[in-house]
Amino acid sequence: MVFGKRAEEVGEAIGHAQAVLDVLKLSKADLSSAIRLVANAREALARKEYDTAQALAGRAETLASSLEERYRSAQKALNALLAISKKAREVGFQSSDLDGAVAEARRVAREGTVENGVSIPNYLQARTLLESAGKRGTDLLKRAEGVANEIFTAELALDALKDANGHSDHEEFERLVLAGGRALLEGAKKAMANGDLEAAETGARRAAEGAKKTLAAYQDAIGALKDVEKSIAELRAAAVQTAGAERLLEQGQIFLQRAKIAEAKAALERAAQEAQRISIDYRRATKEVAEAETSVAALARAGFVSEDAQRFVQDAKRALGEGRYDIAAELSADARRALGKRQEVRERLARLIDETKQKVEELRAIGTDYANDVEEMVLRAEREFENGDFVNSSEDLKIASLLMGPRRPDPRKGHPA
C-alpha cells in the first residue's frame, strides 16, 4: 500500500509538470530541455525510482517556468530593438549595428548554455545583448531623427528657392542654382541609408545653408530690380537722363534671366546706386541752376547786369537739359562767382564815387577853378553807375582823378575786370 501510494504521488507530480508544459507550449519559448526532463521522470517512475522521478518532474516544471519568463524578457528587449530599427528605417537610417545585434542575440539564444547539467537556450545573455543594443539604438535613433530633420529642412529650403524663381529661365535655374543643392541632399540621404550620420548631417546642412544663402541673394537681386525700375521710372517722368542706370539694369536683367544670381545682384545693386546718384546730382544741379538764375534776375532788377553770369546760367541750363549735371553745377558756380565779382566791382566803384564827390567838395572849398569840371565828370560817372554801365563810370572817374591832379587816388582800382 505504501509503495502504491508513492507511485501515485510521483505520477501526479509528473502529470502536473506536464500540464505546466502544455500551458507554456502556447508561448514560443524553447522548452525542449524541460520536456526531456519530464520524459526522464517517466522513465525513472517506470523503474520505480520514485525520488529521482519526483525530482526530475519538479526540475522540469521549474525550468519550464524559468525559460518562459526568460524568453518573455528577451522577446520584450527584442521587440523594443526592432521598434527602434523600424523607426530608424522610417527616417531613412539603416544601422548594421542594430541588425547585427539582433542576429547575434538569436545566435546566442540558439547556441544555448548548460545550467545544472541541462542544456538550455541562452535567453539571459540574448536579453543582455538586446538591451545593450537598445540603449545604443535609442541614442542613434535620436541623432538619426535630428539628421532627418536637417534633410527635411534642406528640402524645404530648396523648394522655397525653386518657388521664389519668377524671373529666371526654369531650366537654367534648375541647372545652375538648384542642381548643386539637390546633389548634396541626395548624397546626404544615401549616407543616411548607409548609416553614416556624420556625412548625412554635413551634406544636409550644406544644402540648406547654400539654398538659404542663394535665396537671400535672389531676393536681394529682385529687391534691387524693383528699386531701380521705380527710380528710373520716376527720373524719366521728370525728363532726367538715365542712360548709365539703364545699361546696368539691362545687364542685371540678362544675368537674372540666365540664373546668374550673384552677377545679377551685383549689376542691379550698381544700377540702383547709379540711379540714386543721378537723382541726387539732378536735384543738386537743378537747385543750383535755379538759385543762380534767380540771383542773376535779382541783380538785373536792381539795375545792373553781368553778361558773364547770364552766359554761365544759359550754359548751365543747357547742360542740365542734356543730363550733364556735374557741368551744370560747375557752370552755376561760375555764374555765382561772376555775380560776386560784379557785386564786388559795384561796391568798390560806389565807394570810389563817394570818395571823389567828397574831394570835389574839398576843391570847391579852397576855390579851385576846375572843381566844376571835376564835379561834372563825377555826376556823369554816378549816372552811368546807376544804369549799370560800370565800364564808362570807371572811365569818367579816371578822368575826374586826372583833373584833380596826380596826388588823387587812381580810379583804375575800381575798373571792372
Protein backbone atom coordinates (compact mmCIF):
# COMPACT_ATOMS: atom_id res chain seq x y z
CA MET A 1 0.00 0.00 0.00
CA VAL A 2 2.82 2.37 0.85
CA PHE A 3 4.63 1.78 -2.42
CA GLY A 4 1.42 2.07 -4.42
CA LYS A 5 0.64 5.48 -2.88
CA ARG A 6 4.17 6.68 -3.55
CA ALA A 7 3.91 5.80 -7.23
CA GLU A 8 0.62 7.62 -7.39
CA GLU A 9 2.11 10.74 -5.81
CA VAL A 10 5.04 10.75 -8.23
CA GLY A 11 2.69 10.19 -11.16
CA GLU A 12 0.63 13.18 -10.07
CA ALA A 13 3.81 15.30 -9.84
CA ILE A 14 4.80 14.26 -13.35
CA GLY A 15 1.24 14.99 -14.57
CA HIS A 16 1.33 18.47 -13.03
CA ALA A 17 4.69 19.17 -14.66
CA GLN A 18 3.26 18.03 -17.98
CA ALA A 19 0.22 20.27 -17.53
CA VAL A 20 2.51 23.25 -16.92
CA LEU A 21 4.44 22.38 -20.05
CA ASP A 22 1.23 22.07 -22.05
CA VAL A 23 0.26 25.62 -21.00
CA LEU A 24 3.69 27.08 -21.59
CA LYS A 25 3.91 25.48 -25.02
CA LEU A 26 1.50 28.20 -26.15
CA SER A 27 4.46 30.58 -25.99
CA LYS A 28 7.35 30.40 -28.44
CA ALA A 29 9.90 29.60 -25.78
CA ASP A 30 12.12 26.59 -26.43
CA LEU A 31 11.04 24.17 -23.67
CA SER A 32 12.68 21.05 -25.14
CA SER A 33 15.05 20.71 -22.16
CA ALA A 34 12.09 20.71 -19.74
CA ILE A 35 10.24 18.24 -21.95
CA ARG A 36 13.24 15.89 -21.81
CA LEU A 37 13.26 16.16 -18.02
CA VAL A 38 9.59 15.09 -17.90
CA ALA A 39 10.39 12.14 -20.16
CA ASN A 40 13.29 11.23 -17.88
CA ALA A 41 10.93 11.46 -14.88
CA ARG A 42 8.52 8.97 -16.50
CA GLU A 43 11.39 6.58 -17.21
CA ALA A 44 12.51 6.80 -13.57
CA LEU A 45 8.92 6.16 -12.43
CA ALA A 46 8.78 3.07 -14.61
CA ARG A 47 11.95 1.89 -12.93
CA LYS A 48 10.27 2.65 -9.58
CA GLU A 49 12.96 5.24 -8.83
CA TYR A 50 10.39 7.44 -7.15
CA ASP A 51 12.67 10.06 -5.60
CA THR A 52 14.54 10.56 -8.86
CA ALA A 53 11.31 10.72 -10.85
CA GLN A 54 9.78 13.28 -8.48
CA ALA A 55 12.93 15.43 -8.50
CA LEU A 56 13.04 15.38 -12.31
CA ALA A 57 9.38 16.37 -12.52
CA GLY A 58 9.95 19.29 -10.12
CA ARG A 59 13.01 20.45 -12.06
CA ALA A 60 11.09 20.21 -15.32
CA GLU A 61 8.27 22.38 -14.00
CA THR A 62 10.64 24.99 -12.50
CA LEU A 63 12.84 25.07 -15.59
CA ALA A 64 9.88 25.43 -17.90
CA SER A 65 8.55 28.41 -15.94
CA SER A 66 12.01 29.99 -15.79
CA LEU A 67 12.63 29.51 -19.51
CA GLU A 68 9.27 31.01 -20.41
CA GLU A 69 9.95 34.06 -18.20
CA ARG A 70 13.45 34.47 -19.63
CA TYR A 71 12.05 34.15 -23.14
CA ARG A 72 9.43 36.83 -22.48
CA SER A 73 12.10 39.22 -21.14
CA ALA A 74 14.36 38.59 -24.14
CA GLN A 75 11.42 38.94 -26.52
CA LYS A 76 10.49 42.25 -24.90
CA ALA A 77 14.03 43.55 -25.42
CA LEU A 78 13.96 42.23 -28.99
CA ASN A 79 10.64 43.94 -29.75
CA ALA A 80 11.97 47.22 -28.35
CA LEU A 81 15.09 46.98 -30.52
CA LEU A 82 13.06 46.05 -33.60
CA ALA A 83 10.78 49.03 -32.98
CA ILE A 84 13.84 51.31 -32.83
CA SER A 85 15.16 49.79 -36.07
CA LYS A 86 11.78 50.30 -37.74
CA LYS A 87 11.64 53.97 -36.72
CA ALA A 88 15.21 54.41 -37.91
CA ARG A 89 14.32 52.95 -41.30
CA GLU A 90 11.28 55.21 -41.49
CA VAL A 91 13.54 58.27 -41.26
CA GLY A 92 15.89 56.74 -43.84
CA PHE A 93 18.55 55.41 -41.45
CA GLN A 94 19.86 51.88 -41.75
CA SER A 95 22.10 50.67 -38.91
CA SER A 96 24.13 47.50 -39.40
CA ASP A 97 24.96 47.64 -35.70
CA LEU A 98 21.32 47.21 -34.68
CA ASP A 99 20.67 44.48 -37.26
CA GLY A 100 23.86 42.74 -36.17
CA ALA A 101 22.78 42.84 -32.53
CA VAL A 102 19.51 41.07 -33.38
CA ALA A 103 21.32 38.38 -35.33
CA GLU A 104 23.88 37.91 -32.57
CA ALA A 105 21.18 37.65 -29.87
CA ARG A 106 19.36 34.97 -31.85
CA ARG A 107 22.59 33.05 -32.38
CA VAL A 108 23.44 33.19 -28.67
CA ALA A 109 19.94 32.04 -27.71
CA ARG A 110 20.09 29.09 -30.14
CA GLU A 111 23.63 28.13 -29.14
CA GLY A 112 22.41 27.82 -25.57
CA THR A 113 24.18 27.19 -22.28
CA VAL A 114 24.40 24.49 -19.62
CA GLU A 115 22.66 25.08 -16.31
CA ASN A 116 22.74 22.46 -13.56
CA GLY A 117 23.83 19.89 -16.09
CA VAL A 118 21.00 20.69 -18.51
CA SER A 119 21.45 22.35 -21.92
CA ILE A 120 19.00 25.25 -22.29
CA PRO A 121 18.50 28.26 -24.64
CA ASN A 122 20.63 31.20 -23.51
CA TYR A 123 17.81 33.73 -23.23
CA LEU A 124 19.55 35.61 -20.41
CA GLN A 125 22.63 36.54 -22.44
CA ALA A 126 20.48 37.23 -25.50
CA ARG A 127 18.40 39.68 -23.47
CA THR A 128 21.56 41.39 -22.20
CA LEU A 129 22.81 41.83 -25.76
CA LEU A 130 19.43 43.17 -26.92
CA GLU A 131 19.05 45.61 -24.04
CA SER A 132 22.56 46.96 -24.60
CA ALA A 133 21.86 47.36 -28.32
CA GLY A 134 18.56 49.03 -27.43
CA LYS A 135 20.34 51.71 -25.42
CA ARG A 136 22.71 52.36 -28.28
CA GLY A 137 19.80 52.27 -30.70
CA THR A 138 17.89 54.87 -28.70
CA ASP A 139 20.81 57.28 -28.94
CA LEU A 140 21.30 56.52 -32.64
CA LEU A 141 17.61 56.99 -33.34
CA LYS A 142 17.60 60.35 -31.59
CA ARG A 143 20.53 61.50 -33.66
CA ALA A 144 19.08 59.97 -36.83
CA GLU A 145 15.84 61.86 -36.27
CA GLY A 146 17.87 65.05 -35.87
CA VAL A 147 19.68 64.38 -39.15
CA ALA A 148 16.34 63.56 -40.81
CA ASN A 149 15.11 66.97 -39.69
CA GLU A 150 18.22 68.52 -41.23
CA ILE A 151 17.44 66.75 -44.51
CA PHE A 152 13.81 67.85 -44.35
CA THR A 153 14.90 71.44 -43.66
CA ALA A 154 17.21 71.29 -46.67
CA GLU A 155 14.35 70.01 -48.85
CA LEU A 156 12.14 72.87 -47.68
CA ALA A 157 14.92 75.39 -48.37
CA LEU A 158 15.42 74.06 -51.90
CA ASP A 159 11.66 74.08 -52.52
CA ALA A 160 11.44 77.66 -51.28
CA LEU A 161 14.29 78.65 -53.58
CA LYS A 162 12.60 76.97 -56.55
CA ASP A 163 9.24 78.59 -55.76
CA ALA A 164 10.86 82.03 -55.47
CA ASN A 165 12.01 81.97 -59.09
CA GLY A 166 9.90 84.25 -61.20
CA HIS A 167 12.48 85.93 -63.43
CA SER A 168 14.95 83.22 -64.47
CA ASP A 169 14.71 80.56 -67.15
CA HIS A 170 13.49 77.47 -65.28
CA GLU A 171 15.89 75.03 -66.92
CA GLU A 172 18.85 77.31 -66.30
CA PHE A 173 17.67 77.91 -62.73
CA GLU A 174 17.48 74.18 -62.14
CA ARG A 175 20.91 73.57 -63.68
CA LEU A 176 22.85 76.48 -62.20
CA VAL A 177 21.06 77.18 -58.93
CA LEU A 178 19.29 74.06 -57.69
CA ALA A 179 21.41 71.19 -59.03
CA GLY A 180 24.25 71.61 -56.55
CA GLY A 181 21.93 71.64 -53.56
CA ARG A 182 19.98 68.66 -54.84
CA ALA A 183 23.20 66.67 -55.29
CA LEU A 184 24.22 67.44 -51.72
CA LEU A 185 20.78 66.39 -50.49
CA GLU A 186 20.84 63.09 -52.39
CA GLY A 187 24.31 62.42 -51.02
CA ALA A 188 23.02 63.08 -47.51
CA LYS A 189 20.15 60.63 -47.99
CA LYS A 190 22.50 57.92 -49.28
CA ALA A 191 24.85 58.48 -46.35
CA MET A 192 21.85 58.22 -44.03
CA ALA A 193 20.77 54.94 -45.60
CA ASN A 194 24.31 53.61 -45.21
CA GLY A 195 24.38 54.56 -41.54
CA ASP A 196 26.88 57.43 -41.92
CA LEU A 197 25.12 60.08 -39.85
CA GLU A 198 28.13 62.41 -39.82
CA ALA A 199 28.29 62.65 -43.62
CA ALA A 200 24.49 62.85 -43.88
CA GLU A 201 24.30 65.73 -41.43
CA THR A 202 27.14 67.62 -43.10
CA GLY A 203 25.62 67.24 -46.56
CA ALA A 204 22.14 68.26 -45.43
CA ARG A 205 23.42 71.36 -43.62
CA ARG A 206 25.49 72.43 -46.60
CA ALA A 207 22.50 72.02 -48.88
CA ALA A 208 20.22 74.01 -46.56
CA GLU A 209 22.73 76.78 -45.93
CA GLY A 210 23.53 77.07 -49.63
CA ALA A 211 19.84 77.24 -50.55
CA LYS A 212 19.10 79.87 -47.90
CA LYS A 213 22.10 81.96 -48.91
CA THR A 214 21.15 81.77 -52.59
CA LEU A 215 17.53 82.61 -51.77
CA ALA A 216 18.64 85.69 -49.84
CA ALA A 217 20.85 86.77 -52.75
CA TYR A 218 17.99 86.17 -55.18
CA GLN A 219 15.58 88.18 -53.06
CA ASP A 220 18.16 90.98 -52.79
CA ALA A 221 18.52 90.95 -56.58
CA ILE A 222 14.75 91.15 -57.06
CA GLY A 223 14.54 93.94 -54.48
CA ALA A 224 17.27 95.87 -56.29
CA LEU A 225 15.48 95.25 -59.59
CA LYS A 226 12.24 96.74 -58.26
CA ASP A 227 14.05 99.68 -56.69
CA VAL A 228 15.97 100.59 -59.84
CA GLU A 229 12.92 100.18 -62.08
CA LYS A 230 10.96 102.52 -59.82
CA SER A 231 13.80 105.03 -59.61
CA ILE A 232 14.32 105.07 -63.38
CA ALA A 233 10.59 105.48 -63.99
CA GLU A 234 10.47 108.46 -61.62
CA LEU A 235 13.54 110.01 -63.24
CA ARG A 236 12.13 109.52 -66.73
CA ALA A 237 8.90 111.18 -65.65
CA ALA A 238 11.00 114.20 -64.67
CA ALA A 239 12.76 114.07 -68.07
CA VAL A 240 16.05 113.12 -66.41
CA GLN A 241 18.73 111.31 -68.43
CA THR A 242 19.26 107.79 -67.01
CA ALA A 243 21.37 106.05 -69.67
CA GLY A 244 24.01 104.73 -67.25
CA ALA A 245 21.47 103.26 -64.85
CA GLU A 246 19.50 101.77 -67.74
CA ARG A 247 22.57 99.96 -69.10
CA LEU A 248 23.28 98.42 -65.71
CA LEU A 249 19.60 97.50 -65.34
CA GLU A 250 19.68 95.70 -68.68
CA GLN A 251 22.82 93.81 -67.68
CA GLY A 252 21.22 92.76 -64.41
CA GLN A 253 18.07 91.57 -66.16
CA ILE A 254 20.12 89.47 -68.58
CA PHE A 255 22.08 87.90 -65.72
CA LEU A 256 18.84 87.24 -63.85
CA GLN A 257 17.23 85.62 -66.88
CA ARG A 258 20.25 83.34 -67.20
CA ALA A 259 20.00 82.40 -63.50
CA LYS A 260 23.36 84.00 -62.65
CA ILE A 261 22.19 85.24 -59.29
CA ALA A 262 25.41 86.71 -57.88
CA GLU A 263 26.17 88.61 -61.09
CA ALA A 264 22.58 89.83 -61.36
CA LYS A 265 22.57 91.03 -57.76
CA ALA A 266 25.84 92.94 -58.25
CA ALA A 267 24.69 94.58 -61.51
CA LEU A 268 21.26 95.52 -60.19
CA GLU A 269 22.65 96.96 -56.98
CA ARG A 270 25.07 99.04 -59.04
CA ALA A 271 22.14 100.15 -61.20
CA ALA A 272 20.19 101.20 -58.11
CA GLN A 273 23.21 103.11 -56.81
CA GLU A 274 23.68 104.77 -60.20
CA ALA A 275 20.01 105.78 -60.34
CA GLN A 276 20.28 107.22 -56.83
CA ARG A 277 23.44 109.10 -57.79
CA ILE A 278 21.75 110.52 -60.88
CA SER A 279 18.76 111.58 -58.81
CA ILE A 280 20.98 113.32 -56.25
CA ASP A 281 23.09 115.01 -58.95
CA TYR A 282 19.96 116.10 -60.81
CA ARG A 283 18.33 117.61 -57.73
CA ARG A 284 21.53 119.36 -56.70
CA ALA A 285 22.21 120.69 -60.20
CA THR A 286 18.58 121.80 -60.67
CA LYS A 287 18.66 123.64 -57.35
CA GLU A 288 21.98 125.31 -58.10
CA VAL A 289 20.93 126.39 -61.61
CA ALA A 290 17.66 127.80 -60.26
CA GLU A 291 19.48 129.68 -57.50
CA ALA A 292 21.99 131.13 -59.99
CA GLU A 293 19.20 132.15 -62.36
CA THR A 294 17.29 133.80 -59.50
CA SER A 295 20.38 135.69 -58.39
CA VAL A 296 21.06 136.97 -61.92
CA ALA A 297 17.46 138.08 -62.30
CA ALA A 298 17.50 139.83 -58.91
CA LEU A 299 20.64 141.80 -59.77
CA ALA A 300 19.20 142.68 -63.16
CA ARG A 301 16.12 144.11 -61.46
CA ALA A 302 18.48 146.06 -59.19
CA GLY A 303 19.81 147.86 -62.25
CA PHE A 304 22.96 146.10 -63.28
CA VAL A 305 23.61 143.05 -65.40
CA SER A 306 26.52 140.63 -65.56
CA GLU A 307 26.79 139.30 -69.08
CA ASP A 308 29.26 136.65 -67.93
CA ALA A 309 26.85 135.44 -65.24
CA GLN A 310 23.97 135.36 -67.72
CA ARG A 311 26.05 133.35 -70.18
CA PHE A 312 27.05 130.89 -67.45
CA VAL A 313 23.40 130.44 -66.44
CA GLN A 314 22.32 129.76 -70.02
CA ASP A 315 25.13 127.21 -70.45
CA ALA A 316 24.19 125.60 -67.13
CA LYS A 317 20.56 125.26 -68.18
CA ARG A 318 21.62 123.67 -71.46
CA ALA A 319 23.93 121.21 -69.63
CA LEU A 320 21.08 120.39 -67.22
CA GLY A 321 18.80 119.51 -70.12
CA GLU A 322 21.48 117.29 -71.63
CA GLY A 323 21.95 115.38 -68.43
CA ARG A 324 25.44 116.73 -67.74
CA TYR A 325 24.63 117.53 -64.14
CA ASP A 326 28.18 117.98 -62.89
CA ILE A 327 28.84 120.50 -65.67
CA ALA A 328 25.56 122.27 -64.88
CA ALA A 329 26.59 122.57 -61.23
CA GLU A 330 30.02 123.90 -62.18
CA LEU A 331 28.55 126.50 -64.55
CA SER A 332 26.10 127.57 -61.85
CA ALA A 333 29.03 128.08 -59.52
CA ASP A 334 30.77 130.09 -62.26
CA ALA A 335 27.66 132.26 -62.57
CA ARG A 336 27.63 132.88 -58.82
CA ARG A 337 31.31 133.78 -58.87
CA ALA A 338 30.72 136.17 -61.78
CA LEU A 339 27.87 137.77 -59.84
CA GLY A 340 30.04 138.03 -56.77
CA LYS A 341 32.77 139.70 -58.79
CA ARG A 342 30.25 142.05 -60.37
CA GLN A 343 28.89 142.92 -56.95
CA GLU A 344 32.40 143.50 -55.64
CA VAL A 345 33.14 145.86 -58.53
CA ARG A 346 29.88 147.69 -57.93
CA GLU A 347 30.61 148.17 -54.25
CA ARG A 348 34.16 149.30 -54.93
CA LEU A 349 33.01 151.73 -57.64
CA ALA A 350 30.29 153.11 -55.33
CA ARG A 351 32.89 153.79 -52.64
CA LEU A 352 35.14 155.48 -55.20
CA ILE A 353 32.30 157.73 -56.40
CA ASP A 354 31.56 158.79 -52.82
CA GLU A 355 35.23 159.46 -52.14
CA THR A 356 35.59 161.52 -55.35
CA LYS A 357 32.46 163.56 -54.56
CA GLN A 358 33.92 164.34 -51.15
CA LYS A 359 37.17 165.51 -52.75
CA VAL A 360 35.19 167.75 -55.15
CA GLU A 361 33.69 169.43 -52.10
CA GLU A 362 37.19 169.96 -50.73
CA LEU A 363 38.33 171.50 -54.04
CA ARG A 364 35.34 173.81 -54.12
CA ALA A 365 36.04 174.85 -50.53
CA ILE A 366 39.54 176.02 -51.42
CA GLY A 367 38.26 177.76 -54.55
CA THR A 368 39.84 175.57 -57.20
CA ASP A 369 38.72 176.77 -60.62
CA TYR A 370 38.44 173.27 -62.13
CA ALA A 371 36.14 171.96 -59.40
CA ASN A 372 33.08 172.31 -61.68
CA ASP A 373 34.72 170.24 -64.42
CA VAL A 374 35.58 167.51 -61.94
CA GLU A 375 32.06 167.59 -60.49
CA GLU A 376 30.53 167.22 -63.96
CA MET A 377 32.61 164.09 -64.59
CA VAL A 378 31.67 162.69 -61.20
CA LEU A 379 27.95 163.27 -61.77
CA ARG A 380 28.23 161.64 -65.17
CA ALA A 381 30.02 158.66 -63.63
CA GLU A 382 27.27 158.42 -60.99
CA ARG A 383 24.51 158.31 -63.64
CA GLU A 384 26.36 155.63 -65.55
CA PHE A 385 26.84 153.66 -62.33
CA GLU A 386 23.10 153.76 -61.59
CA ASN A 387 22.43 152.48 -65.14
CA GLY A 388 24.82 149.57 -64.61
CA ASP A 389 27.41 150.95 -67.02
CA PHE A 390 30.38 150.29 -64.74
CA VAL A 391 33.00 150.50 -67.50
CA ASN A 392 32.15 154.07 -68.58
CA SER A 393 31.51 155.07 -64.98
CA SER A 394 35.01 153.91 -64.10
CA GLU A 395 36.50 155.74 -67.11
CA ASP A 396 34.78 159.02 -66.16
CA LEU A 397 36.04 158.67 -62.59
CA LYS A 398 39.50 158.18 -64.02
CA ILE A 399 39.18 161.46 -65.97
CA ALA A 400 37.95 163.19 -62.81
CA SER A 401 41.01 161.97 -60.97
CA LEU A 402 43.30 163.21 -63.70
CA LEU A 403 41.63 166.65 -63.50
CA MET A 404 42.22 166.71 -59.76
CA GLY A 405 45.93 166.10 -60.17
CA PRO A 406 48.48 163.29 -59.68
CA ARG A 407 48.06 163.09 -55.92
CA ARG A 408 44.49 161.89 -56.22
CA PRO A 409 43.59 158.16 -55.92
CA ASP A 410 43.81 156.11 -59.11
CA PRO A 411 40.21 155.18 -60.17
CA ARG A 412 41.55 152.25 -62.16
CA LYS A 413 41.41 150.26 -58.97
CA GLY A 414 37.66 150.29 -59.35
CA HIS A 415 37.65 149.29 -63.03
CA PRO A 416 35.69 146.07 -63.55
CA ALA A 417 37.76 143.15 -64.70
